[in-house]
N, C-alpha and C. Protein backbone atom coordinates (compact mmCIF):
# COMPACT_ATOMS: atom_id res chain seq x y z
N MET A 1 11.50 4.86 19.29
CA MET A 1 10.71 4.02 18.54
C MET A 1 10.46 4.76 17.13
N VAL A 2 10.36 4.00 16.05
CA VAL A 2 9.89 4.52 14.83
C VAL A 2 8.65 3.91 14.36
N LYS A 3 8.02 4.55 13.43
CA LYS A 3 6.93 4.27 12.69
C LYS A 3 7.48 3.65 11.24
N GLN A 4 6.82 2.68 10.83
CA GLN A 4 7.16 2.24 9.46
C GLN A 4 5.83 2.06 8.73
N LEU A 5 5.79 2.43 7.45
CA LEU A 5 4.48 2.36 6.63
C LEU A 5 4.99 1.75 5.34
N LEU A 6 4.23 0.64 4.86
CA LEU A 6 4.27 0.05 3.55
C LEU A 6 3.31 0.62 2.81
N VAL A 7 3.71 1.42 1.81
CA VAL A 7 2.72 1.91 0.75
C VAL A 7 2.51 0.89 -0.33
N ILE A 8 1.40 0.44 -0.72
CA ILE A 8 1.23 -0.65 -1.66
C ILE A 8 0.19 -0.25 -2.61
N ARG A 9 0.60 -0.20 -3.88
CA ARG A 9 -0.30 0.08 -4.92
C ARG A 9 -1.03 -1.26 -5.30
N HIS A 10 -2.44 -1.31 -5.72
CA HIS A 10 -2.96 -2.43 -6.01
C HIS A 10 -2.36 -3.18 -7.26
N ALA A 11 -2.67 -4.36 -7.40
CA ALA A 11 -1.95 -5.28 -8.51
C ALA A 11 -2.76 -4.76 -9.82
N LYS A 12 -2.34 -5.35 -10.88
CA LYS A 12 -2.97 -5.00 -12.16
C LYS A 12 -4.41 -5.38 -12.15
N SER A 13 -5.33 -4.51 -12.80
CA SER A 13 -6.65 -4.73 -12.80
C SER A 13 -7.05 -5.04 -14.05
N ASP A 14 -8.32 -5.42 -14.17
CA ASP A 14 -8.95 -6.03 -15.42
C ASP A 14 -10.00 -5.00 -16.06
N TRP A 15 -9.59 -4.48 -17.24
CA TRP A 15 -10.35 -3.50 -17.93
C TRP A 15 -11.36 -4.20 -18.84
N GLY A 16 -11.53 -5.31 -18.81
CA GLY A 16 -12.28 -6.20 -19.76
C GLY A 16 -13.91 -5.90 -19.88
N ASN A 17 -14.22 -5.70 -18.63
CA ASN A 17 -15.75 -5.46 -18.65
C ASN A 17 -16.09 -4.01 -18.47
N SER A 18 -16.45 -3.31 -19.39
CA SER A 18 -16.69 -1.87 -19.61
C SER A 18 -18.04 -1.43 -18.76
N SER A 19 -18.80 -2.45 -18.30
CA SER A 19 -19.95 -2.13 -17.62
C SER A 19 -19.80 -2.02 -16.02
N LEU A 20 -18.51 -2.29 -15.80
CA LEU A 20 -18.05 -2.28 -14.29
C LEU A 20 -17.70 -0.82 -14.01
N SER A 21 -18.16 -0.52 -12.82
CA SER A 21 -17.70 0.94 -12.47
C SER A 21 -16.16 0.61 -11.96
N ASP A 22 -15.35 1.92 -12.11
CA ASP A 22 -13.86 1.94 -11.79
C ASP A 22 -13.70 1.13 -10.36
N PHE A 23 -14.59 1.57 -9.46
CA PHE A 23 -14.31 1.07 -8.12
C PHE A 23 -14.66 -0.60 -8.03
N ASP A 24 -15.31 -1.07 -8.92
CA ASP A 24 -15.58 -2.53 -8.88
C ASP A 24 -14.67 -3.40 -9.92
N ARG A 25 -13.64 -2.72 -10.45
CA ARG A 25 -12.89 -3.56 -11.38
C ARG A 25 -12.04 -4.69 -10.52
N PRO A 26 -11.98 -5.72 -11.11
CA PRO A 26 -11.24 -6.74 -10.31
C PRO A 26 -9.65 -6.76 -10.85
N LEU A 27 -9.04 -7.75 -10.22
CA LEU A 27 -7.67 -8.03 -10.56
C LEU A 27 -7.62 -8.80 -11.85
N ASN A 28 -6.84 -8.67 -12.66
CA ASN A 28 -6.51 -9.54 -13.74
C ASN A 28 -5.69 -10.76 -13.64
N LYS A 29 -5.32 -11.50 -14.58
CA LYS A 29 -4.44 -12.84 -14.22
C LYS A 29 -3.24 -12.52 -13.65
N ARG A 30 -2.69 -11.37 -14.22
CA ARG A 30 -1.20 -10.99 -13.85
C ARG A 30 -1.35 -10.44 -12.45
N GLY A 31 -2.46 -9.74 -12.17
CA GLY A 31 -2.43 -9.12 -10.86
C GLY A 31 -2.57 -10.25 -9.90
N LYS A 32 -3.36 -11.22 -10.15
CA LYS A 32 -3.39 -12.33 -9.21
C LYS A 32 -2.27 -13.10 -8.85
N SER A 33 -1.28 -12.98 -9.86
CA SER A 33 0.10 -13.83 -9.66
C SER A 33 1.04 -12.83 -8.93
N ASN A 34 0.87 -11.54 -9.26
CA ASN A 34 1.87 -10.58 -8.89
C ASN A 34 1.72 -10.36 -7.42
N ALA A 35 0.45 -10.23 -6.96
CA ALA A 35 0.16 -9.97 -5.42
C ALA A 35 0.79 -10.88 -4.68
N PRO A 36 0.53 -12.24 -4.69
CA PRO A 36 1.02 -13.21 -3.77
C PRO A 36 2.64 -13.16 -3.68
N GLU A 37 3.06 -13.10 -5.03
CA GLU A 37 4.50 -13.01 -5.28
C GLU A 37 5.24 -11.85 -4.48
N MET A 38 4.67 -10.74 -4.65
CA MET A 38 5.27 -9.39 -4.00
C MET A 38 5.07 -9.74 -2.41
N ALA A 39 4.07 -10.22 -2.04
CA ALA A 39 3.72 -10.46 -0.48
C ALA A 39 4.88 -11.45 0.03
N GLU A 40 5.12 -12.37 -0.87
CA GLU A 40 6.15 -13.42 -0.40
C GLU A 40 7.48 -12.61 -0.30
N ARG A 41 7.82 -11.90 -1.25
CA ARG A 41 9.14 -11.10 -1.13
C ARG A 41 9.28 -10.27 0.17
N LEU A 42 8.26 -9.80 0.62
CA LEU A 42 8.31 -9.25 1.86
C LEU A 42 8.44 -10.00 3.11
N VAL A 43 7.69 -11.13 3.00
CA VAL A 43 7.72 -12.25 4.08
C VAL A 43 9.17 -12.59 4.27
N LYS A 44 9.80 -12.94 3.01
CA LYS A 44 11.31 -13.39 3.05
C LYS A 44 12.06 -12.39 3.80
N GLN A 45 11.73 -11.10 3.75
CA GLN A 45 12.72 -10.16 4.20
C GLN A 45 12.14 -9.89 5.82
N LYS A 46 11.30 -10.44 6.27
CA LYS A 46 10.58 -10.41 7.59
C LYS A 46 9.95 -8.94 7.64
N ILE A 47 9.36 -8.56 6.52
CA ILE A 47 8.74 -7.16 6.63
C ILE A 47 7.05 -7.61 6.57
N VAL A 48 6.66 -7.61 8.00
CA VAL A 48 5.25 -7.99 8.22
C VAL A 48 4.62 -6.77 8.98
N PRO A 49 3.36 -6.33 8.50
CA PRO A 49 2.87 -5.17 9.31
C PRO A 49 1.94 -5.94 10.44
N GLN A 50 1.59 -4.92 11.37
CA GLN A 50 0.74 -5.20 12.46
C GLN A 50 -0.60 -4.92 12.17
N LEU A 51 -0.89 -4.16 11.13
CA LEU A 51 -2.21 -3.69 10.63
C LEU A 51 -2.32 -3.45 9.05
N VAL A 52 -3.38 -3.82 8.45
CA VAL A 52 -3.40 -3.68 7.06
C VAL A 52 -4.82 -2.73 6.94
N VAL A 53 -4.56 -1.41 6.27
CA VAL A 53 -5.33 -0.62 5.99
C VAL A 53 -5.51 -0.52 4.43
N SER A 54 -6.73 -0.59 3.98
CA SER A 54 -7.07 -0.74 2.54
C SER A 54 -8.09 0.17 1.88
N SER A 55 -8.04 0.70 0.69
CA SER A 55 -9.13 1.23 -0.06
C SER A 55 -10.10 0.12 -0.24
N PRO A 56 -11.36 0.59 -0.14
CA PRO A 56 -12.38 -0.63 -0.28
C PRO A 56 -12.63 -0.87 -1.70
N ALA A 57 -12.05 -0.22 -2.65
CA ALA A 57 -12.28 -0.62 -4.07
C ALA A 57 -11.66 -2.00 -4.29
N LEU A 58 -12.47 -2.89 -5.07
CA LEU A 58 -12.33 -4.25 -5.28
C LEU A 58 -10.63 -4.52 -5.53
N ARG A 59 -10.15 -3.89 -6.50
CA ARG A 59 -8.70 -4.28 -6.79
C ARG A 59 -7.76 -3.98 -5.68
N ALA A 60 -7.94 -2.92 -4.87
CA ALA A 60 -7.01 -2.71 -3.89
C ALA A 60 -7.29 -3.75 -2.64
N LEU A 61 -8.68 -4.01 -2.35
CA LEU A 61 -8.92 -4.93 -1.30
C LEU A 61 -8.55 -6.41 -1.69
N THR A 62 -8.65 -6.65 -2.87
CA THR A 62 -8.36 -8.05 -3.28
C THR A 62 -6.63 -8.22 -3.08
N THR A 63 -6.02 -7.11 -3.51
CA THR A 63 -4.61 -7.22 -3.31
C THR A 63 -4.19 -7.27 -1.82
N ALA A 64 -4.88 -6.53 -1.01
CA ALA A 64 -4.61 -6.52 0.29
C ALA A 64 -4.98 -7.87 0.79
N LYS A 65 -5.92 -8.56 0.50
CA LYS A 65 -6.24 -9.90 0.95
C LYS A 65 -5.24 -10.96 0.79
N PHE A 66 -4.66 -10.74 -0.61
CA PHE A 66 -3.33 -11.66 -1.04
C PHE A 66 -2.20 -11.48 0.06
N PHE A 67 -1.96 -10.25 0.16
CA PHE A 67 -0.84 -9.87 1.16
C PHE A 67 -1.07 -10.14 2.67
N ALA A 68 -2.33 -10.12 3.08
CA ALA A 68 -2.89 -10.59 4.43
C ALA A 68 -2.71 -11.93 4.54
N GLU A 69 -2.87 -12.86 3.47
CA GLU A 69 -2.74 -14.19 3.76
C GLU A 69 -1.36 -14.49 3.94
N ALA A 70 -0.38 -14.17 3.06
CA ALA A 70 1.00 -14.19 3.17
C ALA A 70 1.54 -13.88 4.51
N TRP A 71 0.99 -12.80 4.96
CA TRP A 71 1.30 -12.15 6.23
C TRP A 71 0.79 -13.10 7.50
N GLN A 72 -0.12 -13.89 7.12
CA GLN A 72 -0.94 -14.64 8.25
C GLN A 72 -1.79 -13.63 9.15
N ILE A 73 -2.21 -12.78 8.46
CA ILE A 73 -3.14 -11.69 9.10
C ILE A 73 -4.69 -12.10 8.52
N PRO A 74 -5.55 -12.34 9.63
CA PRO A 74 -6.91 -12.55 9.30
C PRO A 74 -7.65 -11.58 8.32
N LYS A 75 -8.25 -11.86 7.24
CA LYS A 75 -8.95 -10.99 6.30
C LYS A 75 -9.69 -10.11 6.96
N LYS A 76 -10.39 -10.67 8.03
CA LYS A 76 -11.29 -9.91 8.89
C LYS A 76 -10.72 -8.61 9.40
N ASN A 77 -9.30 -8.87 9.70
CA ASN A 77 -8.75 -7.59 10.47
C ASN A 77 -8.29 -6.41 9.43
N ILE A 78 -8.60 -6.77 8.17
CA ILE A 78 -8.21 -5.63 7.24
C ILE A 78 -9.10 -4.37 7.55
N GLN A 79 -8.48 -3.33 7.63
CA GLN A 79 -9.34 -2.08 8.09
C GLN A 79 -9.61 -1.33 6.72
N LEU A 80 -10.90 -1.20 6.36
CA LEU A 80 -11.33 -0.32 5.32
C LEU A 80 -11.40 1.05 5.46
N GLU A 81 -10.77 1.77 4.70
CA GLU A 81 -10.88 3.35 4.70
C GLU A 81 -11.11 3.76 3.40
N SER A 82 -12.46 4.26 3.32
CA SER A 82 -12.99 4.71 2.08
C SER A 82 -12.58 5.89 1.44
N SER A 83 -11.90 6.87 2.19
CA SER A 83 -11.16 8.01 1.73
C SER A 83 -9.87 7.67 1.15
N ILE A 84 -9.24 6.51 1.13
CA ILE A 84 -8.14 6.24 0.18
C ILE A 84 -8.39 6.22 -1.21
N TYR A 85 -9.72 5.69 -1.58
CA TYR A 85 -9.93 5.65 -3.01
C TYR A 85 -9.96 7.06 -3.58
N GLU A 86 -9.02 7.23 -4.74
CA GLU A 86 -9.07 8.40 -5.44
C GLU A 86 -8.80 9.55 -4.46
N ALA A 87 -7.80 9.10 -3.46
CA ALA A 87 -7.32 10.18 -2.57
C ALA A 87 -6.19 11.04 -2.92
N SER A 88 -6.00 12.26 -2.56
CA SER A 88 -4.95 13.10 -2.73
C SER A 88 -4.03 12.94 -1.73
N VAL A 89 -2.84 13.55 -1.84
CA VAL A 89 -1.81 13.52 -0.74
C VAL A 89 -2.41 13.86 0.63
N LYS A 90 -2.99 15.03 0.61
CA LYS A 90 -3.60 15.47 1.74
C LYS A 90 -4.59 14.62 2.58
N THR A 91 -5.37 13.94 1.66
CA THR A 91 -6.37 12.95 2.23
C THR A 91 -5.50 11.84 2.94
N LEU A 92 -4.62 11.34 2.20
CA LEU A 92 -3.89 10.13 2.47
C LEU A 92 -2.96 10.47 3.82
N LEU A 93 -2.67 11.66 3.88
CA LEU A 93 -1.71 12.13 4.98
C LEU A 93 -2.71 11.95 6.26
N SER A 94 -3.88 12.70 5.95
CA SER A 94 -5.05 12.53 7.09
C SER A 94 -5.19 11.25 7.68
N VAL A 95 -5.20 10.24 6.61
CA VAL A 95 -5.45 8.92 7.18
C VAL A 95 -4.27 8.28 8.04
N ILE A 96 -3.16 8.54 7.48
CA ILE A 96 -1.88 8.16 8.15
C ILE A 96 -1.92 8.88 9.64
N ASN A 97 -2.17 10.17 9.62
CA ASN A 97 -1.94 10.92 10.93
C ASN A 97 -2.94 10.35 11.85
N ASN A 98 -3.95 9.61 11.51
CA ASN A 98 -4.90 9.25 12.29
C ASN A 98 -4.89 7.76 12.68
N LEU A 99 -3.83 7.06 12.26
CA LEU A 99 -3.64 5.80 12.54
C LEU A 99 -3.24 5.52 13.99
N ASP A 100 -3.64 4.32 14.46
CA ASP A 100 -3.66 4.07 15.73
C ASP A 100 -2.05 3.87 16.32
N ASN A 101 -1.69 4.50 17.15
CA ASN A 101 -0.20 4.57 17.55
C ASN A 101 0.09 3.24 18.32
N GLN A 102 -0.72 2.25 18.66
CA GLN A 102 -0.40 1.15 19.24
C GLN A 102 0.26 0.02 18.20
N PHE A 103 0.12 0.68 16.80
CA PHE A 103 0.70 -0.15 15.65
C PHE A 103 1.91 0.87 15.19
N ASP A 104 3.11 -0.01 15.15
CA ASP A 104 4.40 0.76 14.70
C ASP A 104 4.72 0.39 13.25
N ARG A 105 4.03 -0.72 12.42
CA ARG A 105 4.21 -0.99 11.19
C ARG A 105 2.92 -1.29 10.59
N ILE A 106 2.71 -0.40 9.66
CA ILE A 106 1.18 -0.50 8.99
C ILE A 106 1.33 -0.59 7.35
N ALA A 107 0.56 -1.33 6.95
CA ALA A 107 0.52 -1.47 5.42
C ALA A 107 -0.70 -0.60 4.92
N LEU A 108 -0.55 0.20 3.90
CA LEU A 108 -1.40 0.93 3.29
C LEU A 108 -1.66 0.48 2.03
N PHE A 109 -3.03 0.20 1.47
CA PHE A 109 -3.04 -0.35 -0.09
C PHE A 109 -4.08 0.68 -0.66
N GLY A 110 -3.77 1.18 -1.89
CA GLY A 110 -4.51 2.19 -2.42
C GLY A 110 -4.09 2.20 -3.82
N HIS A 111 -4.00 3.49 -4.56
CA HIS A 111 -4.28 3.97 -5.75
C HIS A 111 -3.23 4.97 -6.23
N ASN A 112 -2.84 4.92 -7.54
CA ASN A 112 -2.18 6.05 -8.15
C ASN A 112 -3.24 7.01 -8.70
N PRO A 113 -2.81 8.45 -8.96
CA PRO A 113 -1.49 8.88 -8.61
C PRO A 113 -1.29 9.28 -7.23
N GLY A 114 -2.21 8.97 -6.41
CA GLY A 114 -2.12 9.54 -5.01
C GLY A 114 -0.94 8.99 -4.33
N LEU A 115 -0.76 7.47 -4.45
CA LEU A 115 0.30 6.79 -3.66
C LEU A 115 1.65 7.25 -4.13
N THR A 116 1.88 7.54 -5.33
CA THR A 116 3.19 7.90 -5.95
C THR A 116 3.56 9.56 -5.38
N ASP A 117 2.57 10.22 -5.29
CA ASP A 117 2.73 11.55 -4.95
C ASP A 117 2.92 11.58 -3.44
N LEU A 118 2.41 10.67 -2.66
CA LEU A 118 2.56 10.59 -1.12
C LEU A 118 3.93 10.18 -0.84
N VAL A 119 4.50 9.25 -1.61
CA VAL A 119 5.87 8.61 -1.41
C VAL A 119 6.76 9.90 -1.57
N ASN A 120 6.41 10.55 -2.66
CA ASN A 120 7.49 11.73 -3.02
C ASN A 120 7.32 12.78 -2.01
N TYR A 121 6.37 12.99 -1.53
CA TYR A 121 5.83 13.99 -0.51
C TYR A 121 6.86 13.72 0.88
N PHE A 122 7.06 12.32 1.05
CA PHE A 122 7.80 12.02 2.29
C PHE A 122 9.37 11.82 2.05
N ASP A 123 9.44 11.41 0.91
CA ASP A 123 11.09 11.33 0.47
C ASP A 123 11.13 11.03 -1.05
N GLY A 124 11.00 12.16 -1.85
CA GLY A 124 10.65 12.10 -3.19
C GLY A 124 11.79 11.78 -4.12
N HIS A 125 11.72 10.50 -4.60
CA HIS A 125 12.62 10.11 -5.79
C HIS A 125 12.06 9.07 -6.87
N ILE A 126 10.77 8.87 -6.76
CA ILE A 126 10.06 7.79 -7.36
C ILE A 126 9.25 8.50 -8.45
N ASP A 127 9.39 8.11 -9.71
CA ASP A 127 8.70 8.68 -10.96
C ASP A 127 7.30 8.15 -11.00
N ASN A 128 7.25 6.87 -10.69
CA ASN A 128 5.88 6.09 -10.71
C ASN A 128 5.81 4.87 -9.89
N MET A 129 4.86 4.66 -9.11
CA MET A 129 4.71 3.28 -8.37
C MET A 129 3.94 2.53 -9.42
N PRO A 130 4.65 1.31 -10.08
CA PRO A 130 3.83 0.66 -10.94
C PRO A 130 2.95 -0.28 -10.14
N THR A 131 1.88 -1.03 -10.85
CA THR A 131 0.89 -1.75 -10.10
C THR A 131 1.70 -2.73 -9.16
N CYS A 132 1.01 -3.16 -8.14
CA CYS A 132 1.63 -4.05 -7.01
C CYS A 132 3.15 -3.65 -6.60
N SER A 133 3.37 -2.37 -6.90
CA SER A 133 4.68 -2.04 -6.08
C SER A 133 4.73 -1.65 -4.71
N VAL A 134 5.61 -1.88 -4.00
CA VAL A 134 5.67 -1.53 -2.54
C VAL A 134 6.74 -0.55 -2.19
N VAL A 135 6.58 0.31 -1.36
CA VAL A 135 7.45 1.36 -0.90
C VAL A 135 7.24 1.12 0.57
N TYR A 136 8.53 0.92 1.20
CA TYR A 136 8.55 0.67 2.79
C TYR A 136 9.33 1.95 3.22
N LEU A 137 8.61 2.61 3.95
CA LEU A 137 8.87 4.00 4.60
C LEU A 137 9.28 3.85 6.12
N GLU A 138 10.14 4.70 6.69
CA GLU A 138 10.45 4.62 7.99
C GLU A 138 10.53 6.13 8.43
N PHE A 139 9.82 6.53 9.62
CA PHE A 139 9.52 7.77 10.12
C PHE A 139 10.18 7.91 11.59
N PRO A 140 10.99 8.88 12.05
CA PRO A 140 11.64 8.74 13.13
C PRO A 140 10.87 9.34 14.29
N PHE A 141 9.62 8.86 14.40
CA PHE A 141 8.62 9.20 15.32
C PHE A 141 7.99 7.98 15.99
N ASP A 142 7.38 8.33 17.33
CA ASP A 142 6.52 7.34 17.83
C ASP A 142 5.03 7.58 17.78
N ASP A 143 4.76 8.56 16.97
CA ASP A 143 3.44 9.07 16.83
C ASP A 143 2.99 9.28 15.44
N TRP A 144 2.00 8.77 14.85
CA TRP A 144 1.63 8.91 13.49
C TRP A 144 1.32 10.07 13.18
N LYS A 145 0.89 10.98 14.12
CA LYS A 145 0.39 12.44 13.90
C LYS A 145 1.55 13.25 13.46
N MET A 146 2.89 12.97 13.85
CA MET A 146 4.02 13.72 13.43
C MET A 146 4.55 13.48 12.03
N VAL A 147 3.97 12.55 11.35
CA VAL A 147 4.35 12.17 9.94
C VAL A 147 3.88 13.29 9.21
N SER A 148 4.92 13.74 8.31
CA SER A 148 4.53 15.15 7.46
C SER A 148 5.53 15.13 6.13
N ALA A 149 5.62 16.19 5.55
CA ALA A 149 6.55 16.31 4.54
C ALA A 149 7.94 16.14 4.77
N ASP A 150 8.46 15.47 3.83
CA ASP A 150 10.11 15.20 4.05
C ASP A 150 10.36 14.60 5.54
N THR A 151 9.52 13.79 6.10
CA THR A 151 9.91 13.19 7.16
C THR A 151 10.39 11.66 7.11
N GLY A 152 9.83 11.22 5.95
CA GLY A 152 10.16 9.63 5.70
C GLY A 152 11.30 9.36 5.20
N LYS A 153 11.82 8.13 5.07
CA LYS A 153 12.97 7.57 4.43
C LYS A 153 12.70 6.24 3.90
N VAL A 154 12.79 6.25 2.41
CA VAL A 154 12.55 4.85 1.85
C VAL A 154 13.58 3.86 2.26
N LEU A 155 13.06 2.75 2.68
CA LEU A 155 14.04 1.66 2.96
C LEU A 155 14.11 0.61 1.91
N LEU A 156 12.90 0.58 1.09
CA LEU A 156 12.64 -0.48 0.02
C LEU A 156 11.77 0.15 -0.97
N PHE A 157 12.07 0.04 -2.28
CA PHE A 157 11.18 0.28 -3.32
C PHE A 157 11.16 -1.17 -4.15
N ASP A 158 10.29 -1.74 -4.25
CA ASP A 158 10.26 -2.97 -5.00
C ASP A 158 9.00 -3.23 -5.83
N TYR A 159 8.82 -3.76 -7.02
CA TYR A 159 7.78 -4.01 -7.89
C TYR A 159 8.05 -5.18 -8.66
N PRO A 160 6.87 -5.77 -9.24
CA PRO A 160 6.87 -7.32 -9.75
C PRO A 160 8.04 -7.42 -10.72
N LYS A 161 8.38 -6.31 -11.76
CA LYS A 161 9.23 -6.47 -12.65
C LYS A 161 10.89 -6.11 -12.34
N SER A 162 10.99 -5.76 -10.89
CA SER A 162 12.22 -5.06 -10.67
C SER A 162 13.29 -6.09 -10.98
N GLY A 163 13.12 -7.42 -10.79
CA GLY A 163 14.17 -8.23 -11.31
C GLY A 163 14.56 -8.22 -12.72
N GLU A 164 13.68 -7.83 -13.54
CA GLU A 164 14.02 -8.08 -15.01
C GLU A 164 14.54 -6.96 -15.72
N ASP A 165 14.91 -5.90 -14.90
CA ASP A 165 15.54 -4.73 -15.63
C ASP A 165 16.95 -4.92 -15.99
């Protein structure tokens, strides 16, 4: 059995209201259209997680909700993990190593630079994960605790503008 992880960076956020804290920044118009579109791309490829874990920051959680809707996962089932917000690779790895082994495919919603660093820690070849990008990784283990440096393989790297290059 293998473990599969979808690492998803939140969609484009709105910088319009300077009185909001970084944590409370919402998605902008483009973010609100990119998130369902990217989720739909995964659905078409039958890439649907069993569990959704998200940073509680508004822009990450809103992105997670768009994806959960496309995946037909109840929004109340989204697991909030506060340590994902502004997390380093070490913190993100700890979150992953503590995931429930009953789930073999999990989606993790968070932020840069942590997510790009994390993906490169597992199988490094991505300069930057743009907003709302998805990296789909596979690990040759049946236990999340075994996931560590250079153990992942990128199966897919997709982002909203990938079709335009």
